[in-house]
Amino acid sequence: MTSVHVDVAAYAIGSLDRDDADDFVGHLDNCPTCPAELEWLSQIVHLMTTTMYAYSEAS
């Protein structure tokens, strides 16, 4: 596993800087595991943000 693999979560939440994000996107084309992990994490991020929004609207 290379260090770019650890960027999956950071990419999913949008915390990578431009250069690291570009490197990660290039990595996705050649990695057998990161695209699936990114899809899974992206769904979690979406659920968390929509839940937080719904909670703040209810308050």
PDB file of N, CA and C in Angstrom:
ATOM      1  N   MET A   1       0.848  -1.175   0.000  1.00  0.00           N
ATOM      2  CA  MET A   1       0.000   0.000   0.000  1.00  0.00           C
ATOM      3  C   MET A   1       0.893   1.237   0.000  1.00  0.00           C
ATOM      4  N   THR A   2       0.622   2.144  -0.894  1.00  0.00           N
ATOM      5  CA  THR A   2       1.395   3.380  -0.940  1.00  0.00           C
ATOM      6  C   THR A   2       0.705   4.445  -0.110  1.00  0.00           C
ATOM      7  N   SER A   3       1.396   5.547   0.112  1.00  0.00           N
ATOM      8  CA  SER A   3       0.841   6.596   0.965  1.00  0.00           C
ATOM      9  C   SER A   3      -0.415   7.230   0.375  1.00  0.00           C
ATOM     10  N   VAL A   4      -0.595   7.152  -0.935  1.00  0.00           N
ATOM     11  CA  VAL A   4      -1.781   7.761  -1.538  1.00  0.00           C
ATOM     12  C   VAL A   4      -3.055   7.034  -1.112  1.00  0.00           C
ATOM     13  N   HIS A   5      -2.944   5.775  -0.712  1.00  0.00           N
ATOM     14  CA  HIS A   5      -4.116   5.034  -0.240  1.00  0.00           C
ATOM     15  C   HIS A   5      -4.731   5.679   1.000  1.00  0.00           C
ATOM     16  N   VAL A   6      -3.917   6.275   1.834  1.00  0.00           N
ATOM     17  CA  VAL A   6      -4.446   6.903   3.045  1.00  0.00           C
ATOM     18  C   VAL A   6      -5.207   8.182   2.740  1.00  0.00           C
ATOM     19  N   ASP A   7      -5.150   8.654   1.511  1.00  0.00           N
ATOM     20  CA  ASP A   7      -5.848   9.876   1.117  1.00  0.00           C
ATOM     21  C   ASP A   7      -7.316   9.652   0.788  1.00  0.00           C
ATOM     22  N   VAL A   8      -7.798   8.426   0.816  1.00  0.00           N
ATOM     23  CA  VAL A   8      -9.182   8.144   0.424  1.00  0.00           C
ATOM     24  C   VAL A   8     -10.164   8.933   1.282  1.00  0.00           C
ATOM     25  N   ALA A   9     -10.043   8.843   2.579  1.00  0.00           N
ATOM     26  CA  ALA A   9     -10.976   9.546   3.469  1.00  0.00           C
ATOM     27  C   ALA A   9     -10.831  11.055   3.335  1.00  0.00           C
ATOM     28  N   ALA A  10      -9.601  11.526   3.257  1.00  0.00           N
ATOM     29  CA  ALA A  10      -9.380  12.964   3.112  1.00  0.00           C
ATOM     30  C   ALA A  10      -9.987  13.479   1.812  1.00  0.00           C
ATOM     31  N   TYR A  11      -9.872  12.702   0.750  1.00  0.00           N
ATOM     32  CA  TYR A  11     -10.481  13.091  -0.522  1.00  0.00           C
ATOM     33  C   TYR A  11     -12.008  13.093  -0.404  1.00  0.00           C
ATOM     34  N   ALA A  12     -12.555  12.091   0.263  1.00  0.00           N
ATOM     35  CA  ALA A  12     -14.013  11.974   0.400  1.00  0.00           C
ATOM     36  C   ALA A  12     -14.620  13.167   1.129  1.00  0.00           C
ATOM     37  N   ILE A  13     -13.894  13.722   2.090  1.00  0.00           N
ATOM     38  CA  ILE A  13     -14.431  14.871   2.820  1.00  0.00           C
ATOM     39  C   ILE A  13     -13.944  16.202   2.254  1.00  0.00           C
ATOM     40  N   GLY A  14     -13.128  16.145   1.200  1.00  0.00           N
ATOM     41  CA  GLY A  14     -12.690  17.368   0.532  1.00  0.00           C
ATOM     42  C   GLY A  14     -11.589  18.126   1.245  1.00  0.00           C
ATOM     43  N   SER A  15     -10.755  17.426   1.994  1.00  0.00           N
ATOM     44  CA  SER A  15      -9.721  18.125   2.757  1.00  0.00           C
ATOM     45  C   SER A  15      -8.327  18.088   2.125  1.00  0.00           C
ATOM     46  N   LEU A  16      -8.191  17.468   0.967  1.00  0.00           N
ATOM     47  CA  LEU A  16      -6.886  17.454   0.300  1.00  0.00           C
ATOM     48  C   LEU A  16      -6.660  18.764  -0.438  1.00  0.00           C
ATOM     49  N   ASP A  17      -5.398  19.196  -0.466  1.00  0.00           N
ATOM     50  CA  ASP A  17      -5.100  20.363  -1.289  1.00  0.00           C
ATOM     51  C   ASP A  17      -5.145  19.951  -2.758  1.00  0.00           C
ATOM     52  N   ARG A  18      -5.100  20.917  -3.631  1.00  0.00           N
ATOM     53  CA  ARG A  18      -5.295  20.677  -5.070  1.00  0.00           C
ATOM     54  C   ARG A  18      -4.319  19.638  -5.628  1.00  0.00           C
ATOM     55  N   ASP A  19      -3.040  19.772  -5.297  1.00  0.00           N
ATOM     56  CA  ASP A  19      -2.036  18.839  -5.829  1.00  0.00           C
ATOM     57  C   ASP A  19      -2.267  17.410  -5.335  1.00  0.00           C
ATOM     58  N   ASP A  20      -2.544  17.267  -4.046  1.00  0.00           N
ATOM     59  CA  ASP A  20      -2.796  15.927  -3.503  1.00  0.00           C
ATOM     60  C   ASP A  20      -4.081  15.332  -4.068  1.00  0.00           C
ATOM     61  N   ALA A  21      -5.100  16.162  -4.253  1.00  0.00           N
ATOM     62  CA  ALA A  21      -6.354  15.679  -4.844  1.00  0.00           C
ATOM     63  C   ALA A  21      -6.121  15.214  -6.277  1.00  0.00           C
ATOM     64  N   ASP A  22      -5.345  15.973  -7.037  1.00  0.00           N
ATOM     65  CA  ASP A  22      -5.029  15.572  -8.412  1.00  0.00           C
ATOM     66  C   ASP A  22      -4.260  14.254  -8.435  1.00  0.00           C
ATOM     67  N   ASP A  23      -3.297  14.108  -7.532  1.00  0.00           N
ATOM     68  CA  ASP A  23      -2.541  12.850  -7.443  1.00  0.00           C
ATOM     69  C   ASP A  23      -3.470  11.686  -7.107  1.00  0.00           C
ATOM     70  N   PHE A  24      -4.397  11.917  -6.191  1.00  0.00           N
ATOM     71  CA  PHE A  24      -5.310  10.853  -5.795  1.00  0.00           C
ATOM     72  C   PHE A  24      -6.228  10.459  -6.944  1.00  0.00           C
ATOM     73  N   VAL A  25      -6.742  11.424  -7.681  1.00  0.00           N
ATOM     74  CA  VAL A  25      -7.611  11.123  -8.827  1.00  0.00           C
ATOM     75  C   VAL A  25      -6.849  10.285  -9.849  1.00  0.00           C
ATOM     76  N   GLY A  26      -5.589  10.627 -10.101  1.00  0.00           N
ATOM     77  CA  GLY A  26      -4.771   9.825 -11.003  1.00  0.00           C
ATOM     78  C   GLY A  26      -4.566   8.413 -10.481  1.00  0.00           C
ATOM     79  N   HIS A  27      -4.431   8.278  -9.187  1.00  0.00           N
ATOM     80  CA  HIS A  27      -4.257   6.971  -8.550  1.00  0.00           C
ATOM     81  C   HIS A  27      -5.505   6.105  -8.719  1.00  0.00           C
ATOM     82  N   LEU A  28      -6.693   6.709  -8.675  1.00  0.00           N
ATOM     83  CA  LEU A  28      -7.943   5.946  -8.776  1.00  0.00           C
ATOM     84  C   LEU A  28      -8.028   5.118 -10.052  1.00  0.00           C
ATOM     85  N   ASP A  29      -7.442   5.622 -11.137  1.00  0.00           N
ATOM     86  CA  ASP A  29      -7.503   4.913 -12.418  1.00  0.00           C
ATOM     87  C   ASP A  29      -6.771   3.573 -12.398  1.00  0.00           C
ATOM     88  N   ASN A  30      -5.793   3.443 -11.512  1.00  0.00           N
ATOM     89  CA  ASN A  30      -4.951   2.242 -11.514  1.00  0.00           C
ATOM     90  C   ASN A  30      -5.044   1.400 -10.253  1.00  0.00           C
ATOM     91  N   CYS A  31      -5.914   1.764  -9.338  1.00  0.00           N
ATOM     92  CA  CYS A  31      -6.000   1.042  -8.066  1.00  0.00           C
ATOM     93  C   CYS A  31      -7.242   0.160  -8.041  1.00  0.00           C
ATOM     94  N   PRO A  32      -7.080  -1.099  -7.685  1.00  0.00           N
ATOM     95  CA  PRO A  32      -8.232  -1.997  -7.647  1.00  0.00           C
ATOM     96  C   PRO A  32      -9.121  -1.813  -6.410  1.00  0.00           C
ATOM     97  N   THR A  33      -8.627  -1.161  -5.360  1.00  0.00           N
ATOM     98  CA  THR A  33      -9.406  -1.064  -4.121  1.00  0.00           C
ATOM     99  C   THR A  33      -9.925   0.330  -3.780  1.00  0.00           C
ATOM    100  N   CYS A  34      -9.201   1.359  -4.130  1.00  0.00           N
ATOM    101  CA  CYS A  34      -9.586   2.711  -3.713  1.00  0.00           C
ATOM    102  C   CYS A  34     -10.929   3.189  -4.274  1.00  0.00           C
ATOM    103  N   PRO A  35     -11.281   2.895  -5.526  1.00  0.00           N
ATOM    104  CA  PRO A  35     -12.588   3.367  -6.003  1.00  0.00           C
ATOM    105  C   PRO A  35     -13.762   2.843  -5.172  1.00  0.00           C
ATOM    106  N   ALA A  36     -13.723   1.587  -4.784  1.00  0.00           N
ATOM    107  CA  ALA A  36     -14.808   1.033  -3.963  1.00  0.00           C
ATOM    108  C   ALA A  36     -14.806   1.655  -2.573  1.00  0.00           C
ATOM    109  N   GLU A  37     -13.626   1.844  -2.007  1.00  0.00           N
ATOM    110  CA  GLU A  37     -13.551   2.469  -0.685  1.00  0.00           C
ATOM    111  C   GLU A  37     -14.033   3.915  -0.747  1.00  0.00           C
ATOM    112  N   LEU A  38     -13.681   4.615  -1.822  1.00  0.00           N
ATOM    113  CA  LEU A  38     -14.140   5.992  -1.983  1.00  0.00           C
ATOM    114  C   LEU A  38     -15.657   6.053  -2.113  1.00  0.00           C
ATOM    115  N   GLU A  39     -16.246   5.134  -2.843  1.00  0.00           N
ATOM    116  CA  GLU A  39     -17.706   5.095  -2.985  1.00  0.00           C
ATOM    117  C   GLU A  39     -18.363   4.883  -1.626  1.00  0.00           C
ATOM    118  N   TRP A  40     -17.841   3.952  -0.859  1.00  0.00           N
ATOM    119  CA  TRP A  40     -18.375   3.660   0.471  1.00  0.00           C
ATOM    120  C   TRP A  40     -18.256   4.879   1.384  1.00  0.00           C
ATOM    121  N   LEU A  41     -17.070   5.493   1.417  1.00  0.00           N
ATOM    122  CA  LEU A  41     -16.862   6.660   2.267  1.00  0.00           C
ATOM    123  C   LEU A  41     -17.699   7.849   1.811  1.00  0.00           C
ATOM    124  N   SER A  42     -17.861   8.016   0.511  1.00  0.00           N
ATOM    125  CA  SER A  42     -18.671   9.122  -0.008  1.00  0.00           C
ATOM    126  C   SER A  42     -20.124   8.985   0.428  1.00  0.00           C
ATOM    127  N   GLN A  43     -20.625   7.768   0.468  1.00  0.00           N
ATOM    128  CA  GLN A  43     -21.993   7.546   0.944  1.00  0.00           C
ATOM    129  C   GLN A  43     -22.117   7.906   2.422  1.00  0.00           C
ATOM    130  N   ILE A  44     -21.113   7.557   3.204  1.00  0.00           N
ATOM    131  CA  ILE A  44     -21.129   7.894   4.629  1.00  0.00           C
ATOM    132  C   ILE A  44     -21.082   9.407   4.818  1.00  0.00           C
ATOM    133  N   VAL A  45     -20.210  10.077   4.079  1.00  0.00           N
ATOM    134  CA  VAL A  45     -20.118  11.536   4.168  1.00  0.00           C
ATOM    135  C   VAL A  45     -21.458  12.165   3.805  1.00  0.00           C
ATOM    136  N   HIS A  46     -22.089  11.674   2.753  1.00  0.00           N
ATOM    137  CA  HIS A  46     -23.393  12.198   2.346  1.00  0.00           C
ATOM    138  C   HIS A  46     -24.430  12.001   3.452  1.00  0.00           C
ATOM    139  N   LEU A  47     -24.481  10.809   4.022  1.00  0.00           N
ATOM    140  CA  LEU A  47     -25.431  10.544   5.106  1.00  0.00           C
ATOM    141  C   LEU A  47     -25.174  11.440   6.314  1.00  0.00           C
ATOM    142  N   MET A  48     -23.919  11.634   6.644  1.00  0.00           N
ATOM    143  CA  MET A  48     -23.593  12.481   7.788  1.00  0.00           C
ATOM    144  C   MET A  48     -23.997  13.929   7.544  1.00  0.00           C
ATOM    145  N   THR A  49     -23.727  14.438   6.362  1.00  0.00           N
ATOM    146  CA  THR A  49     -24.054  15.841   6.095  1.00  0.00           C
ATOM    147  C   THR A  49     -25.556  16.054   6.007  1.00  0.00           C
ATOM    148  N   THR A  50     -26.281  15.119   5.410  1.00  0.00           N
ATOM    149  CA  THR A  50     -27.729  15.296   5.332  1.00  0.00           C
ATOM    150  C   THR A  50     -28.371  15.128   6.703  1.00  0.00           C
ATOM    151  N   THR A  51     -27.835  14.240   7.519  1.00  0.00           N
ATOM    152  CA  THR A  51     -28.355  14.064   8.874  1.00  0.00           C
ATOM    153  C   THR A  51     -28.077  15.299   9.718  1.00  0.00           C
ATOM    154  N   MET A  52     -26.886  15.845   9.607  1.00  0.00           N
ATOM    155  CA  MET A  52     -26.556  17.053  10.354  1.00  0.00           C
ATOM    156  C   MET A  52     -27.440  18.210   9.921  1.00  0.00           C
ATOM    157  N   TYR A  53     -27.699  18.328   8.621  1.00  0.00           N
ATOM    158  CA  TYR A  53     -28.558  19.391   8.108  1.00  0.00           C
ATOM    159  C   TYR A  53     -29.979  19.217   8.635  1.00  0.00           C
ATOM    160  N   ALA A  54     -30.498  18.011   8.589  1.00  0.00           N
ATOM    161  CA  ALA A  54     -31.854  17.754   9.075  1.00  0.00           C
ATOM    162  C   ALA A  54     -31.948  18.038  10.571  1.00  0.00           C
ATOM    163  N   TYR A  55     -30.921  17.683  11.316  1.00  0.00           N
ATOM    164  CA  TYR A  55     -30.908  17.928  12.756  1.00  0.00           C
ATOM    165  C   TYR A  55     -30.888  19.424  13.045  1.00  0.00           C
ATOM    166  N   SER A  56     -30.081  20.184  12.297  1.00  0.00           N
ATOM    167  CA  SER A  56     -29.998  21.628  12.534  1.00  0.00           C
ATOM    168  C   SER A  56     -31.296  22.327  12.139  1.00  0.00           C
ATOM    169  N   GLU A  57     -31.992  21.815  11.137  1.00  0.00           N
ATOM    170  CA  GLU A  57     -33.280  22.383  10.734  1.00  0.00           C
ATOM    171  C   GLU A  57     -34.352  22.123  11.790  1.00  0.00           C
ATOM    172  N   ALA A  58     -34.255  21.006  12.483  1.00  0.00           N
ATOM    173  CA  ALA A  58     -35.251  20.637  13.489  1.00  0.00           C
ATOM    174  C   ALA A  58     -35.063  21.414  14.793  1.00  0.00           C
ATOM    175  N   SER A  59     -33.888  21.953  14.999  1.00  0.00           N
ATOM    176  CA  SER A  59     -33.597  22.656  16.263  1.00  0.00           C
ATOM    177  C   SER A  59     -34.243  24.011  16.334  1.00  0.00           C
TER     178      SER A  59
END
